[in-house]
Amino acid sequence: MLKQFDMIAVGDATIDTFMKIDDASVQCKLSKKPCQLCFNFADKIVVHKMNRSTAGNAANNAIGSARLGMKTAFVTVVGDDENGDWILNNIKKDKISTKYATKQGETNASAVINFQGERTILVYHAPRKYVLPKLPKSKWMYYTSVGEKHITYNKQVAAHVKKYGVKLGYNPGSHQLKSGLKNMKPILKVCEIVFVNMEESARIVGKKKNVKEYHKALHKLGPKIVVITDGPKGVFVYDGSMHYKMGILDGPVIERTGAGDSFAAAFIAALHYGHSIPEAMCWGSHNSTSVIGKIGPQAGLLTKSEMKKLIKKSQWCKEACE
């Protein structure tokens, strides 16, 4: 008999190489968007520090969920090579089941350039064929960034969610967004929570006047809870009746990779343990603040005991949740 999990994270895994540089400049128009990171062409750029880490939105969620005490499995496709083995071995360190991981071709890889606390990412997605394995029941599933040929995955994930009554968290990646709303609708329709930023909201439902209009437009597509992040402005949540807003915590910013994934993992974990939406927002904020204070998307992910201690002594959270 297949055992039940609290969380099954579904999506690609990769190896991120983080490079901290100082020899560059940022060129922006008056509007500050878009900004360009500029180097001297055909020059040698000095890298002051390098780190290597398992990464990918689903991997970040799996590790974040496991550290917060959720029994977790990871559904992914890694390369049939040493790097693929390296990813799976790292995932197992957090007692995550990799029984449903498969191997194909090469391992995905990213180069993350860290400059003045912001990151620019060069991404390589190896070609994949996606087939969802037979999965056990779970209380939650998190479906996120996958490669270009993922459309069959959408139907399979939606069918699994409907069959077992799973609560689905959905954080669409670049290829999912690029595929368009028509292909995303089966997932959004069965979604418990969708996690997007302001720019992604506009790509899905078109340009709106304000965050409340984005909330309502996304909610009409199916998700029971809509979570929209907006950088330094904080996070905005809508549950179909109430709009919630929470700012960001003060803390050092070393590198921002994984901030959204860490927020989503903690937000879901808090709801899993019976907390309210404002409390879940507070869990998410503490987790993301911890992550951006370190290099890489996983080094700062909090454990359940660490989270409880932070929440207990956080006057910021108490005031925000009243």
Foldseek 3Di string as FASTA:
>chain_A
DADEWAEEFEAEKAKEKEFEFEQWDWDADPVPPPIDIDDPPPDDTDTPDIDIDIDDLSLLLQLLLLLQPTAYEYAYEAAPDPVSVVNVVVSCVSVYHDVNYYHDHHGKYKYWYAYPLETDIDTDADDDDDDGDDHDHHQEYEYEYYDQPCLVVLVVVLVNCVVRVHAYEYEYDPNRLVVAQVSCLSVLQSHQEYEEEPVSLCSHQNDDDDPVVSQVSSVVSHHQKYWYAYPQQAIWMDRPPDIAGDGADDADARYQPQLSSLLVSQLVSCVVVPHDNLVSNVSSRVQSRQQRNDPDNHPRNHGSVRSVVCCVPDPSSVVRVD
